[in-house]
């Protein structure tokens, strides 16, 4: 997978402010340039889950600049054919794609998600 960019956060720097990366996987807070932390990686995980399930990320068929507008202003993407997938998988994706980064689960929290626990 191409996450577009990688960076390390430290205790002294809990948020990054750069906007570099592949737009389809960018979290809303990255696009809005409000600073972002590890929650942006959780958003990218949710998008990657959709890509793995459907063979393409959300908004793949539109211009990347249009996607940059849509990601922060539209509801979080969901699976196009959700009935093909378990409710646990759908809920895992929904948790990853929580718009508000303060409400988005951490990686540690996701380890106890029913989808992961029962995998």
PDB file of N, CA and C in Angstrom:
ATOM      1  N   UNK A   1       0.845  -1.189   0.000  1.00  0.00           N
ATOM      2  CA  UNK A   1       0.000   0.000   0.000  1.00  0.00           C
ATOM      3  C   UNK A   1       0.878   1.236   0.000  1.00  0.00           C
ATOM      4  N   UNK A   2       0.409   2.255  -0.648  1.00  0.00           N
ATOM      5  CA  UNK A   2       1.120   3.527  -0.701  1.00  0.00           C
ATOM      6  C   UNK A   2       0.420   4.506   0.218  1.00  0.00           C
ATOM      7  N   UNK A   3       0.986   4.764   1.368  1.00  0.00           N
ATOM      8  CA  UNK A   3       0.392   5.729   2.274  1.00  0.00           C
ATOM      9  C   UNK A   3       0.845   7.148   1.939  1.00  0.00           C
ATOM     10  N   UNK A   4       1.671   7.295   0.930  1.00  0.00           N
ATOM     11  CA  UNK A   4       2.027   8.613   0.439  1.00  0.00           C
ATOM     12  C   UNK A   4       3.135   9.292   1.213  1.00  0.00           C
ATOM     13  N   UNK A   5       3.132   9.186   2.514  1.00  0.00           N
ATOM     14  CA  UNK A   5       4.116   9.883   3.328  1.00  0.00           C
ATOM     15  C   UNK A   5       4.174   9.205   4.695  1.00  0.00           C
ATOM     16  N   UNK A   6       5.310   9.296   5.338  1.00  0.00           N
ATOM     17  CA  UNK A   6       5.444   8.748   6.684  1.00  0.00           C
ATOM     18  C   UNK A   6       6.160   9.770   7.544  1.00  0.00           C
ATOM     19  N   UNK A   7       5.853   9.773   8.793  1.00  0.00           N
ATOM     20  CA  UNK A   7       6.514  10.677   9.716  1.00  0.00           C
ATOM     21  C   UNK A   7       6.435  10.109  11.112  1.00  0.00           C
ATOM     22  N   UNK A   8       7.322  10.547  11.983  1.00  0.00           N
ATOM     23  CA  UNK A   8       7.349  10.048  13.349  1.00  0.00           C
ATOM     24  C   UNK A   8       6.937  11.163  14.295  1.00  0.00           C
ATOM     25  N   UNK A   9       6.042  10.833  15.218  1.00  0.00           N
ATOM     26  CA  UNK A   9       5.645  11.770  16.254  1.00  0.00           C
ATOM     27  C   UNK A   9       6.439  11.454  17.511  1.00  0.00           C
ATOM     28  N   UNK A  10       6.748  12.476  18.274  1.00  0.00           N
ATOM     29  CA  UNK A  10       7.478  12.303  19.525  1.00  0.00           C
ATOM     30  C   UNK A  10       6.656  12.913  20.655  1.00  0.00           C
ATOM     31  N   UNK A  11       7.129  12.741  21.895  1.00  0.00           N
ATOM     32  CA  UNK A  11       6.442  13.353  23.027  1.00  0.00           C
ATOM     33  C   UNK A  11       6.407  14.873  22.895  1.00  0.00           C
ATOM     34  N   UNK A  12       7.442  15.439  22.320  1.00  0.00           N
ATOM     35  CA  UNK A  12       7.511  16.887  22.165  1.00  0.00           C
ATOM     36  C   UNK A  12       6.673  17.377  20.986  1.00  0.00           C
ATOM     37  N   UNK A  13       6.386  16.499  20.053  1.00  0.00           N
ATOM     38  CA  UNK A  13       5.617  16.886  18.870  1.00  0.00           C
ATOM     39  C   UNK A  13       4.494  15.873  18.688  1.00  0.00           C
ATOM     40  N   UNK A  14       3.306  16.194  19.197  1.00  0.00           N
ATOM     41  CA  UNK A  14       2.193  15.244  19.135  1.00  0.00           C
ATOM     42  C   UNK A  14       1.354  15.401  17.877  1.00  0.00           C
ATOM     43  N   UNK A  15       1.589  16.469  17.107  1.00  0.00           N
ATOM     44  CA  UNK A  15       0.856  16.668  15.854  1.00  0.00           C
ATOM     45  C   UNK A  15       1.802  17.146  14.771  1.00  0.00           C
ATOM     46  N   UNK A  16       1.503  16.687  13.544  1.00  0.00           N
ATOM     47  CA  UNK A  16       2.247  17.160  12.384  1.00  0.00           C
ATOM     48  C   UNK A  16       1.364  18.148  11.649  1.00  0.00           C
ATOM     49  N   UNK A  17       1.957  18.987  10.808  1.00  0.00           N
ATOM     50  CA  UNK A  17       1.186  20.004  10.103  1.00  0.00           C
ATOM     51  C   UNK A  17       1.397  19.994   8.596  1.00  0.00           C
ATOM     52  N   UNK A  18       2.179  19.078   8.082  1.00  0.00           N
ATOM     53  CA  UNK A  18       2.424  19.043   6.648  1.00  0.00           C
ATOM     54  C   UNK A  18       1.258  18.388   5.922  1.00  0.00           C
ATOM     55  N   UNK A  19       1.053  18.800   4.670  1.00  0.00           N
ATOM     56  CA  UNK A  19       0.005  18.211   3.837  1.00  0.00           C
ATOM     57  C   UNK A  19       0.679  17.627   2.607  1.00  0.00           C
ATOM     58  N   UNK A  20       1.179  16.421   2.759  1.00  0.00           N
ATOM     59  CA  UNK A  20       1.829  15.698   1.677  1.00  0.00           C
ATOM     60  C   UNK A  20       1.267  14.293   1.718  1.00  0.00           C
ATOM     61  N   UNK A  21       0.906  13.770   0.584  1.00  0.00           N
ATOM     62  CA  UNK A  21       0.411  12.403   0.576  1.00  0.00           C
ATOM     63  C   UNK A  21      -0.562  12.161  -0.558  1.00  0.00           C
ATOM     64  N   UNK A  22      -1.072  10.956  -0.598  1.00  0.00           N
ATOM     65  CA  UNK A  22      -2.028  10.552  -1.609  1.00  0.00           C
ATOM     66  C   UNK A  22      -3.414  10.924  -1.098  1.00  0.00           C
ATOM     67  N   UNK A  23      -4.152  11.787  -1.793  1.00  0.00           N
ATOM     68  CA  UNK A  23      -5.372  12.352  -1.215  1.00  0.00           C
ATOM     69  C   UNK A  23      -6.457  11.347  -0.858  1.00  0.00           C
ATOM     70  N   UNK A  24      -6.575  10.249  -1.560  1.00  0.00           N
ATOM     71  CA  UNK A  24      -7.671   9.320  -1.290  1.00  0.00           C
ATOM     72  C   UNK A  24      -7.587   8.723   0.114  1.00  0.00           C
ATOM     73  N   UNK A  25      -6.408   8.651   0.684  1.00  0.00           N
ATOM     74  CA  UNK A  25      -6.202   8.066   2.013  1.00  0.00           C
ATOM     75  C   UNK A  25      -6.061   9.133   3.100  1.00  0.00           C
ATOM     76  N   UNK A  26      -6.088  10.401   2.736  1.00  0.00           N
ATOM     77  CA  UNK A  26      -5.870  11.473   3.715  1.00  0.00           C
ATOM     78  C   UNK A  26      -7.055  11.646   4.648  1.00  0.00           C
ATOM     79  N   UNK A  27      -6.759  11.799   5.918  1.00  0.00           N
ATOM     80  CA  UNK A  27      -7.791  12.084   6.913  1.00  0.00           C
ATOM     81  C   UNK A  27      -8.271  13.526   6.748  1.00  0.00           C
ATOM     82  N   UNK A  28      -9.510  13.801   7.141  1.00  0.00           N
ATOM     83  CA  UNK A  28     -10.027  15.169   7.009  1.00  0.00           C
ATOM     84  C   UNK A  28      -9.137  16.216   7.666  1.00  0.00           C
ATOM     85  N   UNK A  29      -8.599  15.903   8.849  1.00  0.00           N
ATOM     86  CA  UNK A  29      -7.781  16.894   9.552  1.00  0.00           C
ATOM     87  C   UNK A  29      -6.469  17.177   8.830  1.00  0.00           C
ATOM     88  N   UNK A  30      -5.974  16.226   8.065  1.00  0.00           N
ATOM     89  CA  UNK A  30      -4.759  16.448   7.273  1.00  0.00           C
ATOM     90  C   UNK A  30      -5.072  17.439   6.162  1.00  0.00           C
ATOM     91  N   UNK A  31      -6.176  17.215   5.479  1.00  0.00           N
ATOM     92  CA  UNK A  31      -6.577  18.091   4.377  1.00  0.00           C
ATOM     93  C   UNK A  31      -6.871  19.499   4.881  1.00  0.00           C
ATOM     94  N   UNK A  32      -7.501  19.597   6.037  1.00  0.00           N
ATOM     95  CA  UNK A  32      -7.881  20.904   6.580  1.00  0.00           C
ATOM     96  C   UNK A  32      -6.715  21.642   7.231  1.00  0.00           C
ATOM     97  N   UNK A  33      -5.556  20.991   7.312  1.00  0.00           N
ATOM     98  CA  UNK A  33      -4.346  21.604   7.854  1.00  0.00           C
ATOM     99  C   UNK A  33      -4.534  22.129   9.276  1.00  0.00           C
ATOM    100  N   UNK A  34      -5.225  21.351  10.108  1.00  0.00           N
ATOM    101  CA  UNK A  34      -5.437  21.755  11.499  1.00  0.00           C
ATOM    102  C   UNK A  34      -4.480  21.033  12.444  1.00  0.00           C
ATOM    103  N   UNK A  35      -3.511  20.342  11.887  1.00  0.00           N
ATOM    104  CA  UNK A  35      -2.607  19.524  12.686  1.00  0.00           C
ATOM    105  C   UNK A  35      -3.205  18.149  12.847  1.00  0.00           C
ATOM    106  N   UNK A  36      -2.357  17.162  12.877  1.00  0.00           N
ATOM    107  CA  UNK A  36      -2.866  15.798  12.978  1.00  0.00           C
ATOM    108  C   UNK A  36      -1.891  14.927  13.732  1.00  0.00           C
ATOM    109  N   UNK A  37      -2.436  13.883  14.314  1.00  0.00           N
ATOM    110  CA  UNK A  37      -1.646  12.926  15.074  1.00  0.00           C
ATOM    111  C   UNK A  37      -1.810  11.537  14.503  1.00  0.00           C
ATOM    112  N   UNK A  38      -1.654  10.565  15.363  1.00  0.00           N
ATOM    113  CA  UNK A  38      -1.717   9.172  14.916  1.00  0.00           C
ATOM    114  C   UNK A  38      -3.117   8.768  14.458  1.00  0.00           C
ATOM    115  N   UNK A  39      -4.129   9.519  14.830  1.00  0.00           N
ATOM    116  CA  UNK A  39      -5.485   9.239  14.366  1.00  0.00           C
ATOM    117  C   UNK A  39      -5.610   9.301  12.856  1.00  0.00           C
ATOM    118  N   UNK A  40      -4.759  10.080  12.214  1.00  0.00           N
ATOM    119  CA  UNK A  40      -4.780  10.144  10.748  1.00  0.00           C
ATOM    120  C   UNK A  40      -4.415   8.786  10.151  1.00  0.00           C
ATOM    121  N   UNK A  41      -3.558   8.047  10.837  1.00  0.00           N
ATOM    122  CA  UNK A  41      -3.205   6.698  10.372  1.00  0.00           C
ATOM    123  C   UNK A  41      -4.389   5.745  10.513  1.00  0.00           C
ATOM    124  N   UNK A  42      -5.198   5.946  11.550  1.00  0.00           N
ATOM    125  CA  UNK A  42      -6.386   5.110  11.743  1.00  0.00           C
ATOM    126  C   UNK A  42      -7.373   5.367  10.609  1.00  0.00           C
ATOM    127  N   UNK A  43      -7.545   6.634  10.225  1.00  0.00           N
ATOM    128  CA  UNK A  43      -8.395   6.961   9.074  1.00  0.00           C
ATOM    129  C   UNK A  43      -7.871   6.232   7.836  1.00  0.00           C
ATOM    130  N   UNK A  44      -6.579   6.319   7.585  1.00  0.00           N
ATOM    131  CA  UNK A  44      -5.984   5.656   6.417  1.00  0.00           C
ATOM    132  C   UNK A  44      -6.190   4.149   6.465  1.00  0.00           C
ATOM    133  N   UNK A  45      -6.169   3.566   7.660  1.00  0.00           N
ATOM    134  CA  UNK A  45      -6.449   2.140   7.810  1.00  0.00           C
ATOM    135  C   UNK A  45      -7.868   1.825   7.346  1.00  0.00           C
ATOM    136  N   UNK A  46      -8.829   2.650   7.741  1.00  0.00           N
ATOM    137  CA  UNK A  46     -10.208   2.444   7.310  1.00  0.00           C
ATOM    138  C   UNK A  46     -10.352   2.522   5.800  1.00  0.00           C
ATOM    139  N   UNK A  47      -9.676   3.489   5.189  1.00  0.00           N
ATOM    140  CA  UNK A  47      -9.713   3.619   3.726  1.00  0.00           C
ATOM    141  C   UNK A  47      -9.049   2.410   3.085  1.00  0.00           C
ATOM    142  N   UNK A  48      -7.941   1.950   3.662  1.00  0.00           N
ATOM    143  CA  UNK A  48      -7.252   0.770   3.134  1.00  0.00           C
ATOM    144  C   UNK A  48      -8.142  -0.464   3.233  1.00  0.00           C
ATOM    145  N   UNK A  49      -8.921  -0.587   4.300  1.00  0.00           N
ATOM    146  CA  UNK A  49      -9.871  -1.712   4.420  1.00  0.00           C
ATOM    147  C   UNK A  49     -10.886  -1.678   3.279  1.00  0.00           C
ATOM    148  N   UNK A  50     -11.405  -0.495   2.981  1.00  0.00           N
ATOM    149  CA  UNK A  50     -12.343  -0.375   1.859  1.00  0.00           C
ATOM    150  C   UNK A  50     -11.647  -0.747   0.563  1.00  0.00           C
ATOM    151  N   UNK A  51     -10.420  -0.265   0.380  1.00  0.00           N
ATOM    152  CA  UNK A  51      -9.674  -0.579  -0.838  1.00  0.00           C
ATOM    153  C   UNK A  51      -9.445  -2.084  -0.971  1.00  0.00           C
ATOM    154  N   UNK A  52      -9.094  -2.735   0.111  1.00  0.00           N
ATOM    155  CA  UNK A  52      -8.858  -4.179   0.061  1.00  0.00           C
ATOM    156  C   UNK A  52     -10.146  -4.932  -0.266  1.00  0.00           C
ATOM    157  N   UNK A  53     -11.264  -4.488   0.278  1.00  0.00           N
ATOM    158  CA  UNK A  53     -12.544  -5.162   0.061  1.00  0.00           C
ATOM    159  C   UNK A  53     -13.088  -4.934  -1.348  1.00  0.00           C
ATOM    160  N   UNK A  54     -12.881  -3.734  -1.878  1.00  0.00           N
ATOM    161  CA  UNK A  54     -13.496  -3.369  -3.154  1.00  0.00           C
ATOM    162  C   UNK A  54     -12.515  -3.260  -4.316  1.00  0.00           C
ATOM    163  N   UNK A  55     -11.230  -3.306  -4.001  1.00  0.00           N
ATOM    164  CA  UNK A  55     -10.231  -3.213  -5.058  1.00  0.00           C
ATOM    165  C   UNK A  55      -9.886  -1.795  -5.464  1.00  0.00           C
ATOM    166  N   UNK A  56     -10.438  -0.827  -4.737  1.00  0.00           N
ATOM    167  CA  UNK A  56     -10.161   0.580  -5.034  1.00  0.00           C
ATOM    168  C   UNK A  56     -10.575   1.422  -3.824  1.00  0.00           C
ATOM    169  N   UNK A  57      -9.930   2.562  -3.629  1.00  0.00           N
ATOM    170  CA  UNK A  57     -10.315   3.420  -2.503  1.00  0.00           C
ATOM    171  C   UNK A  57     -11.565   4.232  -2.852  1.00  0.00           C
ATOM    172  N   UNK A  58     -12.223   4.779  -1.848  1.00  0.00           N
ATOM    173  CA  UNK A  58     -13.333   5.691  -2.143  1.00  0.00           C
ATOM    174  C   UNK A  58     -12.843   6.870  -2.986  1.00  0.00           C
ATOM    175  N   UNK A  59     -13.698   7.373  -3.820  1.00  0.00           N
ATOM    176  CA  UNK A  59     -13.426   8.534  -4.678  1.00  0.00           C
ATOM    177  C   UNK A  59     -12.371   8.266  -5.747  1.00  0.00           C
ATOM    178  N   UNK A  60     -12.036   6.999  -5.980  1.00  0.00           N
ATOM    179  CA  UNK A  60     -11.002   6.663  -6.963  1.00  0.00           C
ATOM    180  C   UNK A  60     -11.326   7.193  -8.358  1.00  0.00           C
ATOM    181  N   UNK A  61     -12.611   7.348  -8.653  1.00  0.00           N
ATOM    182  CA  UNK A  61     -13.030   7.713 -10.003  1.00  0.00           C
ATOM    183  C   UNK A  61     -13.182   9.216 -10.209  1.00  0.00           C
ATOM    184  N   UNK A  62     -12.775  10.010  -9.231  1.00  0.00           N
ATOM    185  CA  UNK A  62     -12.838  11.459  -9.407  1.00  0.00           C
ATOM    186  C   UNK A  62     -11.430  12.047  -9.327  1.00  0.00           C
ATOM    187  N   UNK A  63     -11.300  13.256  -9.797  1.00  0.00           N
ATOM    188  CA  UNK A  63     -10.003  13.941  -9.776  1.00  0.00           C
ATOM    189  C   UNK A  63      -9.534  14.091  -8.321  1.00  0.00           C
ATOM    190  N   UNK A  64      -8.242  13.874  -8.056  1.00  0.00           N
ATOM    191  CA  UNK A  64      -7.733  13.988  -6.680  1.00  0.00           C
ATOM    192  C   UNK A  64      -8.059  15.321  -6.002  1.00  0.00           C
ATOM    193  N   UNK A  65      -8.069  16.413  -6.753  1.00  0.00           N
ATOM    194  CA  UNK A  65      -8.397  17.706  -6.140  1.00  0.00           C
ATOM    195  C   UNK A  65      -9.851  17.745  -5.688  1.00  0.00           C
ATOM    196  N   UNK A  66     -10.727  17.089  -6.412  1.00  0.00           N
ATOM    197  CA  UNK A  66     -12.141  17.001  -6.008  1.00  0.00           C
ATOM    198  C   UNK A  66     -12.249  16.144  -4.740  1.00  0.00           C
ATOM    199  N   UNK A  67     -11.481  15.070  -4.677  1.00  0.00           N
ATOM    200  CA  UNK A  67     -11.475  14.220  -3.480  1.00  0.00           C
ATOM    201  C   UNK A  67     -11.027  15.023  -2.258  1.00  0.00           C
ATOM    202  N   UNK A  68     -10.050  15.888  -2.443  1.00  0.00           N
ATOM    203  CA  UNK A  68      -9.562  16.725  -1.340  1.00  0.00           C
ATOM    204  C   UNK A  68     -10.680  17.612  -0.799  1.00  0.00           C
ATOM    205  N   UNK A  69     -11.589  18.036  -1.661  1.00  0.00           N
ATOM    206  CA  UNK A  69     -12.739  18.815  -1.210  1.00  0.00           C
ATOM    207  C   UNK A  69     -13.771  17.924  -0.523  1.00  0.00           C
ATOM    208  N   UNK A  70     -14.018  16.757  -1.076  1.00  0.00           N
ATOM    209  CA  UNK A  70     -15.091  15.898  -0.586  1.00  0.00           C
ATOM    210  C   UNK A  70     -14.786  15.235   0.758  1.00  0.00           C
ATOM    211  N   UNK A  71     -13.559  14.827   0.971  1.00  0.00           N
ATOM    212  CA  UNK A  71     -13.217  14.077   2.189  1.00  0.00           C
ATOM    213  C   UNK A  71     -13.598  14.836   3.467  1.00  0.00           C
ATOM    214  N   UNK A  72     -13.239  16.108   3.613  1.00  0.00           N
ATOM    215  CA  UNK A  72     -13.624  16.786   4.861  1.00  0.00           C
ATOM    216  C   UNK A  72     -15.070  17.283   4.897  1.00  0.00           C
ATOM    217  N   UNK A  73     -15.736  17.381   3.750  1.00  0.00           N
ATOM    218  CA  UNK A  73     -17.070  17.982   3.735  1.00  0.00           C
ATOM    219  C   UNK A  73     -18.215  16.984   3.626  1.00  0.00           C
ATOM    220  N   UNK A  74     -17.952  15.771   3.222  1.00  0.00           N
ATOM    221  CA  UNK A  74     -18.995  14.754   3.053  1.00  0.00           C
ATOM    222  C   UNK A  74     -18.933  13.749   4.202  1.00  0.00           C
ATOM    223  N   UNK A  75     -20.007  12.969   4.404  1.00  0.00           N
ATOM    224  CA  UNK A  75     -19.950  11.908   5.423  1.00  0.00           C
ATOM    225  C   UNK A  75     -18.835  10.913   5.102  1.00  0.00           C
ATOM    226  N   UNK A  76     -18.348  10.194   6.104  1.00  0.00           N
ATOM    227  CA  UNK A  76     -17.283   9.217   5.846  1.00  0.00           C
ATOM    228  C   UNK A  76     -17.728   8.184   4.811  1.00  0.00           C
ATOM    229  N   UNK A  77     -16.799   7.720   3.990  1.00  0.00           N
ATOM    230  CA  UNK A  77     -17.166   6.702   2.999  1.00  0.00           C
ATOM    231  C   UNK A  77     -17.525   5.377   3.666  1.00  0.00           C
ATOM    232  N   UNK A  78     -18.304   4.593   2.950  1.00  0.00           N
ATOM    233  CA  UNK A  78     -18.692   3.258   3.408  1.00  0.00           C
ATOM    234  C   UNK A  78     -18.473   2.285   2.256  1.00  0.00           C
ATOM    235  N   UNK A  79     -18.628   1.024   2.539  1.00  0.00           N
ATOM    236  CA  UNK A  79     -18.525   0.010   1.493  1.00  0.00           C
ATOM    237  C   UNK A  79     -19.678   0.182   0.507  1.00  0.00           C
ATOM    238  N   UNK A  80     -19.385   0.105  -0.790  1.00  0.00           N
ATOM    239  CA  UNK A  80     -20.417   0.286  -1.808  1.00  0.00           C
ATOM    240  C   UNK A  80     -21.454  -0.827  -1.757  1.00  0.00           C
ATOM    241  N   UNK A  81     -21.017  -2.059  -1.566  1.00  0.00           N
ATOM    242  CA  UNK A  81     -21.916  -3.203  -1.511  1.00  0.00           C
ATOM    243  C   UNK A  81     -21.790  -3.838  -0.126  1.00  0.00           C
ATOM    244  N   UNK A  82     -22.272  -3.108   0.865  1.00  0.00           N
ATOM    245  CA  UNK A  82     -22.068  -3.502   2.263  1.00  0.00           C
ATOM    246  C   UNK A  82     -22.630  -4.882   2.588  1.00  0.00           C
ATOM    247  N   UNK A  83     -23.680  -5.299   1.917  1.00  0.00           N
ATOM    248  CA  UNK A  83     -24.312  -6.592   2.213  1.00  0.00           C
ATOM    249  C   UNK A  83     -23.361  -7.767   1.991  1.00  0.00           C
ATOM    250  N   UNK A  84     -22.320  -7.569   1.214  1.00  0.00           N
ATOM    251  CA  UNK A  84     -21.343  -8.632   0.958  1.00  0.00           C
ATOM    252  C   UNK A  84     -20.409  -8.859   2.144  1.00  0.00           C
ATOM    253  N   UNK A  85     -20.421  -7.954   3.108  1.00  0.00           N
ATOM    254  CA  UNK A  85     -19.441  -7.985   4.191  1.00  0.00           C
ATOM    255  C   UNK A  85     -20.127  -8.067   5.550  1.00  0.00           C
ATOM    256  N   UNK A  86     -19.408  -8.619   6.507  1.00  0.00           N
ATOM    257  CA  UNK A  86     -19.969  -8.784   7.851  1.00  0.00           C
ATOM    258  C   UNK A  86     -20.228  -7.429   8.505  1.00  0.00           C
ATOM    259  N   UNK A  87     -21.182  -7.440   9.409  1.00  0.00           N
ATOM    260  CA  UNK A  87     -21.464  -6.240  10.184  1.00  0.00           C
ATOM    261  C   UNK A  87     -20.268  -5.807  11.012  1.00  0.00           C
ATOM    262  N   UNK A  88     -19.509  -6.778  11.508  1.00  0.00           N
ATOM    263  CA  UNK A  88     -18.313  -6.447  12.293  1.00  0.00           C
ATOM    264  C   UNK A  88     -17.288  -5.701  11.447  1.00  0.00           C
ATOM    265  N   UNK A  89     -17.108  -6.142  10.202  1.00  0.00           N
ATOM    266  CA  UNK A  89     -16.163  -5.465   9.308  1.00  0.00           C
ATOM    267  C   UNK A  89     -16.657  -4.053   9.004  1.00  0.00           C
ATOM    268  N   UNK A  90     -17.935  -3.923   8.719  1.00  0.00           N
ATOM    269  CA  UNK A  90     -18.504  -2.608   8.435  1.00  0.00           C
ATOM    270  C   UNK A  90     -18.341  -1.669   9.627  1.00  0.00           C
ATOM    271  N   UNK A  91     -18.582  -2.187  10.827  1.00  0.00           N
ATOM    272  CA  UNK A  91     -18.455  -1.367  12.032  1.00  0.00           C
ATOM    273  C   UNK A  91     -16.995  -0.995  12.299  1.00  0.00           C
ATOM    274  N   UNK A  92     -16.071  -1.912  12.032  1.00  0.00           N
ATOM    275  CA  UNK A  92     -14.643  -1.618  12.185  1.00  0.00           C
ATOM    276  C   UNK A  92     -14.255  -0.450  11.278  1.00  0.00           C
ATOM    277  N   UNK A  93     -14.683  -0.521  10.028  1.00  0.00           N
ATOM    278  CA  UNK A  93     -14.392   0.565   9.084  1.00  0.00           C
ATOM    279  C   UNK A  93     -15.015   1.866   9.574  1.00  0.00           C
ATOM    280  N   UNK A  94     -16.264   1.806  10.005  1.00  0.00           N
ATOM    281  CA  UNK A  94     -16.942   3.016  10.485  1.00  0.00           C
ATOM    282  C   UNK A  94     -16.197   3.639  11.663  1.00  0.00           C
ATOM    283  N   UNK A  95     -15.694   2.814  12.559  1.00  0.00           N
ATOM    284  CA  UNK A  95     -14.930   3.337  13.698  1.00  0.00           C
ATOM    285  C   UNK A  95     -13.651   4.020  13.221  1.00  0.00           C
ATOM    286  N   UNK A  96     -12.957   3.394  12.283  1.00  0.00           N
ATOM    287  CA  UNK A  96     -11.723   3.982  11.747  1.00  0.00           C
ATOM    288  C   UNK A  96     -11.998   5.319  11.066  1.00  0.00           C
ATOM    289  N   UNK A  97     -13.165   5.431  10.435  1.00  0.00           N
ATOM    290  CA  UNK A  97     -13.493   6.618   9.650  1.00  0.00           C
ATOM    291  C   UNK A  97     -14.359   7.610  10.421  1.00  0.00           C
ATOM    292  N   UNK A  98     -14.203   7.640  11.727  1.00  0.00           N
ATOM    293  CA  UNK A  98     -14.864   8.658  12.541  1.00  0.00           C
ATOM    294  C   UNK A  98     -14.282  10.008  12.151  1.00  0.00           C
ATOM    295  N   UNK A  99     -15.152  10.945  11.767  1.00  0.00           N
ATOM    296  CA  UNK A  99     -14.681  12.243  11.262  1.00  0.00           C
ATOM    297  C   UNK A  99     -13.862  13.029  12.277  1.00  0.00           C
ATOM    298  N   UNK A 100     -14.352  13.093  13.509  1.00  0.00           N
ATOM    299  CA  UNK A 100     -13.671  13.869  14.535  1.00  0.00           C
ATOM    300  C   UNK A 100     -12.490  13.059  15.069  1.00  0.00           C
ATOM    301  N   UNK A 101     -11.263  13.523  14.848  1.00  0.00           N
ATOM    302  CA  UNK A 101     -10.108  12.738  15.295  1.00  0.00           C
ATOM    303  C   UNK A 101     -10.073  12.528  16.811  1.00  0.00           C
ATOM    304  N   UNK A 102     -10.667  13.422  17.579  1.00  0.00           N
ATOM    305  CA  UNK A 102     -10.700  13.254  19.037  1.00  0.00           C
ATOM    306  C   UNK A 102     -11.605  12.089  19.438  1.00  0.00           C
ATOM    307  N   UNK A 103     -12.539  11.722  18.580  1.00  0.00           N
ATOM    308  CA  UNK A 103     -13.458  10.614  18.851  1.00  0.00           C
ATOM    309  C   UNK A 103     -13.044   9.326  18.146  1.00  0.00           C
ATOM    310  N   UNK A 104     -12.070   9.414  17.266  1.00  0.00           N
ATOM    311  CA  UNK A 104     -11.601   8.243  16.516  1.00  0.00           C
ATOM    312  C   UNK A 104     -10.825   7.323  17.458  1.00  0.00           C
ATOM    313  N   UNK A 105     -11.025   6.010  17.359  1.00  0.00           N
ATOM    314  CA  UNK A 105     -10.298   5.098  18.250  1.00  0.00           C
ATOM    315  C   UNK A 105      -8.796   5.086  17.961  1.00  0.00           C
ATOM    316  N   UNK A 106      -8.050   4.740  18.974  1.00  0.00           N
ATOM    317  CA  UNK A 106      -6.606   4.564  18.818  1.00  0.00           C
ATOM    318  C   UNK A 106      -6.339   3.151  18.301  1.00  0.00           C
ATOM    319  N   UNK A 107      -5.112   2.896  17.901  1.00  0.00           N
ATOM    320  CA  UNK A 107      -4.736   1.549  17.465  1.00  0.00           C
ATOM    321  C   UNK A 107      -4.934   0.559  18.609  1.00  0.00           C
ATOM    322  N   UNK A 108      -4.590   0.967  19.813  1.00  0.00           N
ATOM    323  CA  UNK A 108      -4.773   0.087  20.969  1.00  0.00           C
ATOM    324  C   UNK A 108      -6.248  -0.250  21.177  1.00  0.00           C
ATOM    325  N   UNK A 109      -7.119   0.724  21.018  1.00  0.00           N
ATOM    326  CA  UNK A 109      -8.556   0.476  21.155  1.00  0.00           C
ATOM    327  C   UNK A 109      -9.053  -0.475  20.069  1.00  0.00           C
ATOM    328  N   UNK A 110      -8.538  -0.320  18.870  1.00  0.00           N
ATOM    329  CA  UNK A 110      -8.974  -1.181  17.765  1.00  0.00           C
ATOM    330  C   UNK A 110      -8.558  -2.634  17.977  1.00  0.00           C
ATOM    331  N   UNK A 111      -7.503  -2.861  18.744  1.00  0.00           N
ATOM    332  CA  UNK A 111      -7.090  -4.239  19.019  1.00  0.00           C
ATOM    333  C   UNK A 111      -8.160  -5.018  19.781  1.00  0.00           C
ATOM    334  N   UNK A 112      -9.044  -4.314  20.473  1.00  0.00           N
ATOM    335  CA  UNK A 112     -10.129  -4.996  21.186  1.00  0.00           C
ATOM    336  C   UNK A 112     -11.456  -4.923  20.426  1.00  0.00           C
ATOM    337  N   UNK A 113     -11.427  -4.421  19.200  1.00  0.00           N
ATOM    338  CA  UNK A 113     -12.637  -4.377  18.376  1.00  0.00           C
ATOM    339  C   UNK A 113     -13.084  -5.806  18.057  1.00  0.00           C
ATOM    340  N   UNK A 114     -14.392  -6.086  18.089  1.00  0.00           N
ATOM    341  CA  UNK A 114     -14.874  -7.445  17.799  1.00  0.00           C
ATOM    342  C   UNK A 114     -14.387  -8.012  16.462  1.00  0.00           C
ATOM    343  N   UNK A 115     -14.225  -7.170  15.467  1.00  0.00           N
ATOM    344  CA  UNK A 115     -13.741  -7.657  14.173  1.00  0.00           C
ATOM    345  C   UNK A 115     -12.328  -8.228  14.306  1.00  0.00           C
ATOM    346  N   UNK A 116     -11.478  -7.563  15.058  1.00  0.00           N
ATOM    347  CA  UNK A 116     -10.092  -8.014  15.243  1.00  0.00           C
ATOM    348  C   UNK A 116     -10.043  -9.197  16.209  1.00  0.00           C
ATOM    349  N   UNK A 117     -10.748  -9.094  17.314  1.00  0.00           N
ATOM    350  CA  UNK A 117     -10.730 -10.146  18.335  1.00  0.00           C
ATOM    351  C   UNK A 117     -11.219 -11.472  17.763  1.00  0.00           C
ATOM    352  N   UNK A 118     -12.208 -11.435  16.896  1.00  0.00           N
ATOM    353  CA  UNK A 118     -12.800 -12.656  16.340  1.00  0.00           C
ATOM    354  C   UNK A 118     -12.236 -13.043  14.980  1.00  0.00           C
ATOM    355  N   UNK A 119     -11.152 -12.415  14.578  1.00  0.00           N
ATOM    356  CA  UNK A 119     -10.572 -12.716  13.255  1.00  0.00           C
ATOM    357  C   UNK A 119      -9.922 -14.090  13.248  1.00  0.00           C
TER     358      UNK A 119
END
